[in-house]
Amino acid sequence: MFGSARLALAERYAGLLAGDGTVRGLIGPREVPRLWERHLINCAVVSELVPADASVCDIGSGAGLPGVVLAIARPDLRVTLVEPLLRRTAYLEAVVSELGLENCEVRRMRAEALHGQARYDVVTSRAVAPLPKLLAWSLPLVAPRGAVVAMKGARAAAEVADAAQVLRRLGCAAEVLELGAGAPTCLDPPTTVVRVVRSGSDVRG
């Protein structure tokens, strides 16, 4: 998950979340004791769904979850953190600079502003919006053989069912996946994601 060469970076990021991230209101004080299980490891297991040397766009990045975690865990990735709010992008830029993440860039804008400008192998998000709205923001950013990977909670399957008509109209297929339930992470509960691809797409990885 975090190789030995990257674990120190993950520890430094955890310190930044617990410190400045809490001061800026990006992480609640009650989250600090469970940063690793609930946030870092919870996000790191998403890398299982990201192919090698992929480009990743993390929309509504907030405190950098999961985008910064993916950039730390996977130096082969090219990660773009998209966040419209100034105070959050200022924090993200400070984190990227402090950790020396050369494979990570921050862009202050809404996801819609990137439509028609860039395409990515994987577009990630974490608790950003209900699935239909999230797809409207994310799908135009996905490369032809790419995927949307949205971190969701216990209602993931219900969200997919509720969005069935939208998925059909967009020509997409969705699946709910649980990650990190087995050793060595043993997340309880596991990380639940919805992966969306265009129907018939041969997804990389």
C-alpha atoms as a PDB file:
ATOM      1  CA  MET A   1       0.000   0.000   0.000  1.00  0.00           C
ATOM      2  CA  PHE A   2       2.638   2.508   1.140  1.00  0.00           C
ATOM      3  CA  GLY A   3       6.043   1.152   0.154  1.00  0.00           C
ATOM      4  CA  SER A   4       8.897   1.659   2.572  1.00  0.00           C
ATOM      5  CA  ALA A   5      10.140   4.597   0.511  1.00  0.00           C
ATOM      6  CA  ARG A   6       6.725   6.297   0.666  1.00  0.00           C
ATOM      7  CA  LEU A   7       5.629   5.517   4.225  1.00  0.00           C
ATOM      8  CA  ALA A   8       7.533   8.517   5.631  1.00  0.00           C
ATOM      9  CA  LEU A   9       5.626  10.780   3.199  1.00  0.00           C
ATOM     10  CA  ALA A  10       2.318   9.287   4.340  1.00  0.00           C
ATOM     11  CA  GLU A  11       3.297   9.923   7.966  1.00  0.00           C
ATOM     12  CA  ARG A  12       4.165  13.540   7.163  1.00  0.00           C
ATOM     13  CA  TYR A  13       0.843  13.970   5.372  1.00  0.00           C
ATOM     14  CA  ALA A  14      -0.988  12.552   8.396  1.00  0.00           C
ATOM     15  CA  GLY A  15       0.805  15.159  10.503  1.00  0.00           C
ATOM     16  CA  LEU A  16      -0.278  17.938   8.147  1.00  0.00           C
ATOM     17  CA  LEU A  17      -3.885  16.751   8.291  1.00  0.00           C
ATOM     18  CA  ALA A  18      -3.824  16.584  12.081  1.00  0.00           C
ATOM     19  CA  GLY A  19      -2.209  20.029  12.326  1.00  0.00           C
ATOM     20  CA  ASP A  20      -2.952  22.643   9.692  1.00  0.00           C
ATOM     21  CA  GLY A  21      -5.759  20.559   8.201  1.00  0.00           C
ATOM     22  CA  THR A  22      -7.612  20.667  11.509  1.00  0.00           C
ATOM     23  CA  VAL A  23      -6.883  24.374  12.052  1.00  0.00           C
ATOM     24  CA  ARG A  24      -8.296  25.185   8.605  1.00  0.00           C
ATOM     25  CA  GLY A  25     -11.407  23.095   9.232  1.00  0.00           C
ATOM     26  CA  LEU A  26     -10.634  20.508   6.561  1.00  0.00           C
ATOM     27  CA  ILE A  27     -10.491  17.655   9.078  1.00  0.00           C
ATOM     28  CA  GLY A  28     -12.607  17.542  12.219  1.00  0.00           C
ATOM     29  CA  PRO A  29     -10.734  17.246  15.540  1.00  0.00           C
ATOM     30  CA  ARG A  30     -12.534  13.976  16.279  1.00  0.00           C
ATOM     31  CA  GLU A  31     -11.036  12.476  13.106  1.00  0.00           C
ATOM     32  CA  VAL A  32      -7.437  12.917  14.237  1.00  0.00           C
ATOM     33  CA  PRO A  33      -7.189   9.675  16.317  1.00  0.00           C
ATOM     34  CA  ARG A  34      -8.454   7.635  13.359  1.00  0.00           C
ATOM     35  CA  LEU A  35      -6.701   9.389  10.475  1.00  0.00           C
ATOM     36  CA  TRP A  36      -4.936   6.266   9.265  1.00  0.00           C
ATOM     37  CA  GLU A  37      -7.838   3.820   9.166  1.00  0.00           C
ATOM     38  CA  ARG A  38     -10.613   6.237   8.237  1.00  0.00           C
ATOM     39  CA  HIS A  39      -8.722   8.432   5.789  1.00  0.00           C
ATOM     40  CA  LEU A  40      -5.250   7.362   4.652  1.00  0.00           C
ATOM     41  CA  ILE A  41      -5.680   3.594   4.375  1.00  0.00           C
ATOM     42  CA  ASN A  42      -9.318   4.062   3.407  1.00  0.00           C
ATOM     43  CA  CYS A  43      -8.141   6.084   0.381  1.00  0.00           C
ATOM     44  CA  ALA A  44      -4.945   4.153  -0.367  1.00  0.00           C
ATOM     45  CA  VAL A  45      -6.816   0.943  -1.200  1.00  0.00           C
ATOM     46  CA  VAL A  46      -8.453   2.791  -4.114  1.00  0.00           C
ATOM     47  CA  SER A  47      -5.094   2.476  -5.879  1.00  0.00           C
ATOM     48  CA  GLU A  48      -6.064  -1.161  -6.558  1.00  0.00           C
ATOM     49  CA  LEU A  49      -8.399   0.167  -9.252  1.00  0.00           C
ATOM     50  CA  VAL A  50      -5.881   2.506 -10.888  1.00  0.00           C
ATOM     51  CA  PRO A  51      -3.709   1.071 -13.684  1.00  0.00           C
ATOM     52  CA  ALA A  52       0.033   1.661 -13.876  1.00  0.00           C
ATOM     53  CA  ASP A  53       1.270   5.034 -15.135  1.00  0.00           C
ATOM     54  CA  ALA A  54      -2.270   6.409 -15.239  1.00  0.00           C
ATOM     55  CA  SER A  55      -3.417  10.006 -15.180  1.00  0.00           C
ATOM     56  CA  VAL A  56      -5.817  10.706 -12.313  1.00  0.00           C
ATOM     57  CA  CYS A  57      -8.136  13.660 -11.721  1.00  0.00           C
ATOM     58  CA  ASP A  58      -9.457  14.004  -8.165  1.00  0.00           C
ATOM     59  CA  ILE A  59     -12.459  16.336  -8.227  1.00  0.00           C
ATOM     60  CA  GLY A  60     -13.624  18.204  -5.132  1.00  0.00           C
ATOM     61  CA  SER A  61     -10.312  17.226  -3.584  1.00  0.00           C
ATOM     62  CA  GLY A  62     -10.822  19.113  -0.304  1.00  0.00           C
ATOM     63  CA  ALA A  63      -8.048  18.052   2.060  1.00  0.00           C
ATOM     64  CA  GLY A  64      -6.536  15.853  -0.670  1.00  0.00           C
ATOM     65  CA  LEU A  65      -8.541  12.691  -0.123  1.00  0.00           C
ATOM     66  CA  PRO A  66      -8.071  10.490  -2.047  1.00  0.00           C
ATOM     67  CA  GLY A  67      -5.870  12.421  -4.515  1.00  0.00           C
ATOM     68  CA  VAL A  68      -2.876  13.226  -2.300  1.00  0.00           C
ATOM     69  CA  VAL A  69      -2.909   9.715  -0.832  1.00  0.00           C
ATOM     70  CA  LEU A  70      -2.820   8.206  -4.327  1.00  0.00           C
ATOM     71  CA  ALA A  71       0.057  10.496  -5.321  1.00  0.00           C
ATOM     72  CA  ILE A  72       1.977   9.364  -2.235  1.00  0.00           C
ATOM     73  CA  ALA A  73       1.245   5.646  -2.576  1.00  0.00           C
ATOM     74  CA  ARG A  74       1.770   5.542  -6.347  1.00  0.00           C
ATOM     75  CA  PRO A  75       4.624   7.699  -7.671  1.00  0.00           C
ATOM     76  CA  ASP A  76       3.917   6.273 -11.151  1.00  0.00           C
ATOM     77  CA  LEU A  77       0.620   8.207 -11.283  1.00  0.00           C
ATOM     78  CA  ARG A  78       0.084  11.750 -12.552  1.00  0.00           C
ATOM     79  CA  VAL A  79      -2.484  13.271 -10.196  1.00  0.00           C
ATOM     80  CA  THR A  80      -4.439  16.495 -10.684  1.00  0.00           C
ATOM     81  CA  LEU A  81      -6.300  17.844  -7.647  1.00  0.00           C
ATOM     82  CA  VAL A  82      -9.314  19.921  -8.706  1.00  0.00           C
ATOM     83  CA  GLU A  83     -10.855  22.115  -6.013  1.00  0.00           C
ATOM     84  CA  PRO A  84     -12.762  25.415  -6.457  1.00  0.00           C
ATOM     85  CA  LEU A  85     -12.347  26.916  -2.957  1.00  0.00           C
ATOM     86  CA  LEU A  86      -9.345  29.159  -2.320  1.00  0.00           C
ATOM     87  CA  ARG A  87      -8.676  28.100   1.277  1.00  0.00           C
ATOM     88  CA  ARG A  88      -8.629  24.465   0.243  1.00  0.00           C
ATOM     89  CA  THR A  89      -6.411  24.962  -2.794  1.00  0.00           C
ATOM     90  CA  ALA A  90      -4.014  27.003  -0.655  1.00  0.00           C
ATOM     91  CA  TYR A  91      -3.798  24.070   1.750  1.00  0.00           C
ATOM     92  CA  LEU A  92      -3.353  21.559  -1.071  1.00  0.00           C
ATOM     93  CA  GLU A  93      -0.592  23.616  -2.672  1.00  0.00           C
ATOM     94  CA  ALA A  94       1.188  23.809   0.688  1.00  0.00           C
ATOM     95  CA  VAL A  95       0.888  20.032   1.136  1.00  0.00           C
ATOM     96  CA  VAL A  96       2.170  19.253  -2.360  1.00  0.00           C
ATOM     97  CA  SER A  97       5.106  21.613  -1.833  1.00  0.00           C
ATOM     98  CA  GLU A  98       5.898  20.368   1.683  1.00  0.00           C
ATOM     99  CA  LEU A  99       5.878  16.727   0.594  1.00  0.00           C
ATOM    100  CA  GLY A 100       7.684  17.378  -2.690  1.00  0.00           C
ATOM    101  CA  LEU A 101       5.038  15.547  -4.723  1.00  0.00           C
ATOM    102  CA  GLU A 102       6.328  16.121  -8.239  1.00  0.00           C
ATOM    103  CA  ASN A 103       3.623  13.841  -9.654  1.00  0.00           C
ATOM    104  CA  CYS A 104       0.821  16.014  -8.265  1.00  0.00           C
ATOM    105  CA  GLU A 105      -0.602  19.384  -9.316  1.00  0.00           C
ATOM    106  CA  VAL A 106      -3.383  21.565  -7.894  1.00  0.00           C
ATOM    107  CA  ARG A 107      -5.911  23.404 -10.048  1.00  0.00           C
ATOM    108  CA  ARG A 108      -8.350  25.880  -8.541  1.00  0.00           C
ATOM    109  CA  MET A 109     -11.499  25.462 -10.602  1.00  0.00           C
ATOM    110  CA  ARG A 110     -14.738  23.565 -10.852  1.00  0.00           C
ATOM    111  CA  ALA A 111     -14.621  20.232 -12.625  1.00  0.00           C
ATOM    112  CA  GLU A 112     -16.917  21.576 -15.353  1.00  0.00           C
ATOM    113  CA  ALA A 113     -14.305  24.156 -16.295  1.00  0.00           C
ATOM    114  CA  LEU A 114     -12.004  21.323 -17.414  1.00  0.00           C
ATOM    115  CA  HIS A 115     -14.581  19.806 -19.764  1.00  0.00           C
ATOM    116  CA  GLY A 116     -13.185  19.758 -23.285  1.00  0.00           C
ATOM    117  CA  GLN A 117      -9.696  20.644 -22.037  1.00  0.00           C
ATOM    118  CA  ALA A 118      -8.374  17.414 -20.546  1.00  0.00           C
ATOM    119  CA  ARG A 119      -9.059  13.691 -20.283  1.00  0.00           C
ATOM    120  CA  TYR A 120      -7.851  11.296 -17.583  1.00  0.00           C
ATOM    121  CA  ASP A 121      -7.569   7.543 -17.207  1.00  0.00           C
ATOM    122  CA  VAL A 122      -9.327   7.670 -13.829  1.00  0.00           C
ATOM    123  CA  VAL A 123     -11.503  10.373 -12.254  1.00  0.00           C
ATOM    124  CA  THR A 124     -11.828   9.991  -8.493  1.00  0.00           C
ATOM    125  CA  SER A 125     -13.929  11.662  -5.817  1.00  0.00           C
ATOM    126  CA  ARG A 126     -14.892  11.119  -2.213  1.00  0.00           C
ATOM    127  CA  ALA A 127     -18.391  11.944  -0.935  1.00  0.00           C
ATOM    128  CA  VAL A 128     -18.719  14.847  -3.378  1.00  0.00           C
ATOM    129  CA  ALA A 129     -22.276  14.525  -4.752  1.00  0.00           C
ATOM    130  CA  PRO A 130     -25.061  12.039  -5.566  1.00  0.00           C
ATOM    131  CA  LEU A 131     -24.166   9.788  -8.482  1.00  0.00           C
ATOM    132  CA  PRO A 132     -26.169  11.512 -11.283  1.00  0.00           C
ATOM    133  CA  LYS A 133     -24.647  14.915 -10.520  1.00  0.00           C
ATOM    134  CA  LEU A 134     -21.212  13.378 -10.005  1.00  0.00           C
ATOM    135  CA  LEU A 135     -21.371  11.691 -13.416  1.00  0.00           C
ATOM    136  CA  ALA A 136     -22.266  14.988 -15.096  1.00  0.00           C
ATOM    137  CA  TRP A 137     -19.085  16.469 -13.642  1.00  0.00           C
ATOM    138  CA  SER A 138     -16.829  13.429 -14.035  1.00  0.00           C
ATOM    139  CA  LEU A 139     -17.650  11.571 -17.259  1.00  0.00           C
ATOM    140  CA  PRO A 140     -16.605  14.367 -19.652  1.00  0.00           C
ATOM    141  CA  LEU A 141     -13.143  14.137 -18.048  1.00  0.00           C
ATOM    142  CA  VAL A 142     -12.766  10.375 -18.568  1.00  0.00           C
ATOM    143  CA  ALA A 143     -10.621   9.052 -21.405  1.00  0.00           C
ATOM    144  CA  PRO A 144     -12.315   6.553 -23.774  1.00  0.00           C
ATOM    145  CA  ARG A 145     -11.010   3.484 -21.918  1.00  0.00           C
ATOM    146  CA  GLY A 146     -11.040   5.145 -18.500  1.00  0.00           C
ATOM    147  CA  ALA A 147     -13.299   4.993 -15.465  1.00  0.00           C
ATOM    148  CA  VAL A 148     -14.966   7.033 -12.763  1.00  0.00           C
ATOM    149  CA  VAL A 149     -14.031   5.715  -9.311  1.00  0.00           C
ATOM    150  CA  ALA A 150     -16.232   7.335  -6.678  1.00  0.00           C
ATOM    151  CA  MET A 151     -15.748   6.627  -2.984  1.00  0.00           C
ATOM    152  CA  LYS A 152     -19.177   6.135  -1.443  1.00  0.00           C
ATOM    153  CA  GLY A 153     -20.682   4.959   1.814  1.00  0.00           C
ATOM    154  CA  ALA A 154     -23.225   2.353   2.812  1.00  0.00           C
ATOM    155  CA  ARG A 155     -25.784   3.668   0.286  1.00  0.00           C
ATOM    156  CA  ALA A 156     -23.569   2.969  -2.728  1.00  0.00           C
ATOM    157  CA  ALA A 157     -25.760   0.172  -4.120  1.00  0.00           C
ATOM    158  CA  ALA A 158     -28.898   2.256  -3.574  1.00  0.00           C
ATOM    159  CA  GLU A 159     -27.292   5.194  -5.393  1.00  0.00           C
ATOM    160  CA  VAL A 160     -26.493   2.969  -8.361  1.00  0.00           C
ATOM    161  CA  ALA A 161     -30.064   1.665  -8.411  1.00  0.00           C
ATOM    162  CA  ASP A 162     -31.488   5.195  -8.189  1.00  0.00           C
ATOM    163  CA  ALA A 163     -29.231   6.295 -11.061  1.00  0.00           C
ATOM    164  CA  ALA A 164     -30.139   3.365 -13.344  1.00  0.00           C
ATOM    165  CA  GLN A 165     -32.035   5.520 -15.826  1.00  0.00           C
ATOM    166  CA  VAL A 166     -29.234   8.084 -15.971  1.00  0.00           C
ATOM    167  CA  LEU A 167     -26.639   5.346 -16.471  1.00  0.00           C
ATOM    168  CA  ARG A 168     -28.623   3.878 -19.365  1.00  0.00           C
ATOM    169  CA  ARG A 169     -29.010   7.294 -20.986  1.00  0.00           C
ATOM    170  CA  LEU A 170     -25.278   7.925 -20.699  1.00  0.00           C
ATOM    171  CA  GLY A 171     -24.437   4.455 -22.013  1.00  0.00           C
ATOM    172  CA  CYS A 172     -22.582   3.513 -18.839  1.00  0.00           C
ATOM    173  CA  ALA A 173     -22.244   0.472 -16.607  1.00  0.00           C
ATOM    174  CA  ALA A 174     -21.660   0.747 -12.853  1.00  0.00           C
ATOM    175  CA  GLU A 175     -20.472  -1.698 -10.230  1.00  0.00           C
ATOM    176  CA  VAL A 176     -20.129  -1.462  -6.452  1.00  0.00           C
ATOM    177  CA  LEU A 177     -16.830  -2.730  -5.076  1.00  0.00           C
ATOM    178  CA  GLU A 178     -15.584  -3.220  -1.514  1.00  0.00           C
ATOM    179  CA  LEU A 179     -11.855  -2.765  -1.000  1.00  0.00           C
ATOM    180  CA  GLY A 180      -9.522  -3.417   1.906  1.00  0.00           C
ATOM    181  CA  ALA A 181     -11.581  -6.063   3.673  1.00  0.00           C
ATOM    182  CA  GLY A 182      -8.766  -8.624   3.661  1.00  0.00           C
ATOM    183  CA  ALA A 183      -5.208  -8.679   4.999  1.00  0.00           C
ATOM    184  CA  PRO A 184      -3.115  -6.684   5.460  1.00  0.00           C
ATOM    185  CA  THR A 185      -5.437  -3.672   5.751  1.00  0.00           C
ATOM    186  CA  CYS A 186      -8.496  -5.314   7.349  1.00  0.00           C
ATOM    187  CA  LEU A 187     -10.614  -2.209   7.043  1.00  0.00           C
ATOM    188  CA  ASP A 188     -13.849  -2.429   8.998  1.00  0.00           C
ATOM    189  CA  PRO A 189     -15.980  -1.322   7.285  1.00  0.00           C
ATOM    190  CA  PRO A 190     -14.180  -1.775   3.965  1.00  0.00           C
ATOM    191  CA  THR A 191     -13.862   1.082   1.486  1.00  0.00           C
ATOM    192  CA  THR A 192     -16.906   1.118  -0.789  1.00  0.00           C
ATOM    193  CA  VAL A 193     -16.534   2.563  -4.276  1.00  0.00           C
ATOM    194  CA  VAL A 194     -18.689   2.841  -7.353  1.00  0.00           C
ATOM    195  CA  ARG A 195     -16.771   2.279 -10.583  1.00  0.00           C
ATOM    196  CA  VAL A 196     -18.448   3.555 -13.736  1.00  0.00           C
ATOM    197  CA  VAL A 197     -17.311   2.837 -17.288  1.00  0.00           C
ATOM    198  CA  ARG A 198     -18.880   3.351 -20.663  1.00  0.00           C
ATOM    199  CA  SER A 199     -20.746   0.183 -21.658  1.00  0.00           C
ATOM    200  CA  GLY A 200     -18.492  -2.113 -23.707  1.00  0.00           C
ATOM    201  CA  SER A 201     -15.374  -0.243 -22.645  1.00  0.00           C
ATOM    202  CA  ASP A 202     -12.210  -2.275 -22.230  1.00  0.00           C
ATOM    203  CA  VAL A 203     -11.048  -0.636 -19.004  1.00  0.00           C
ATOM    204  CA  ARG A 204      -7.283  -0.437 -18.501  1.00  0.00           C
ATOM    205  CA  GLY A 205      -6.142  -2.604 -15.620  1.00  0.00           C
END
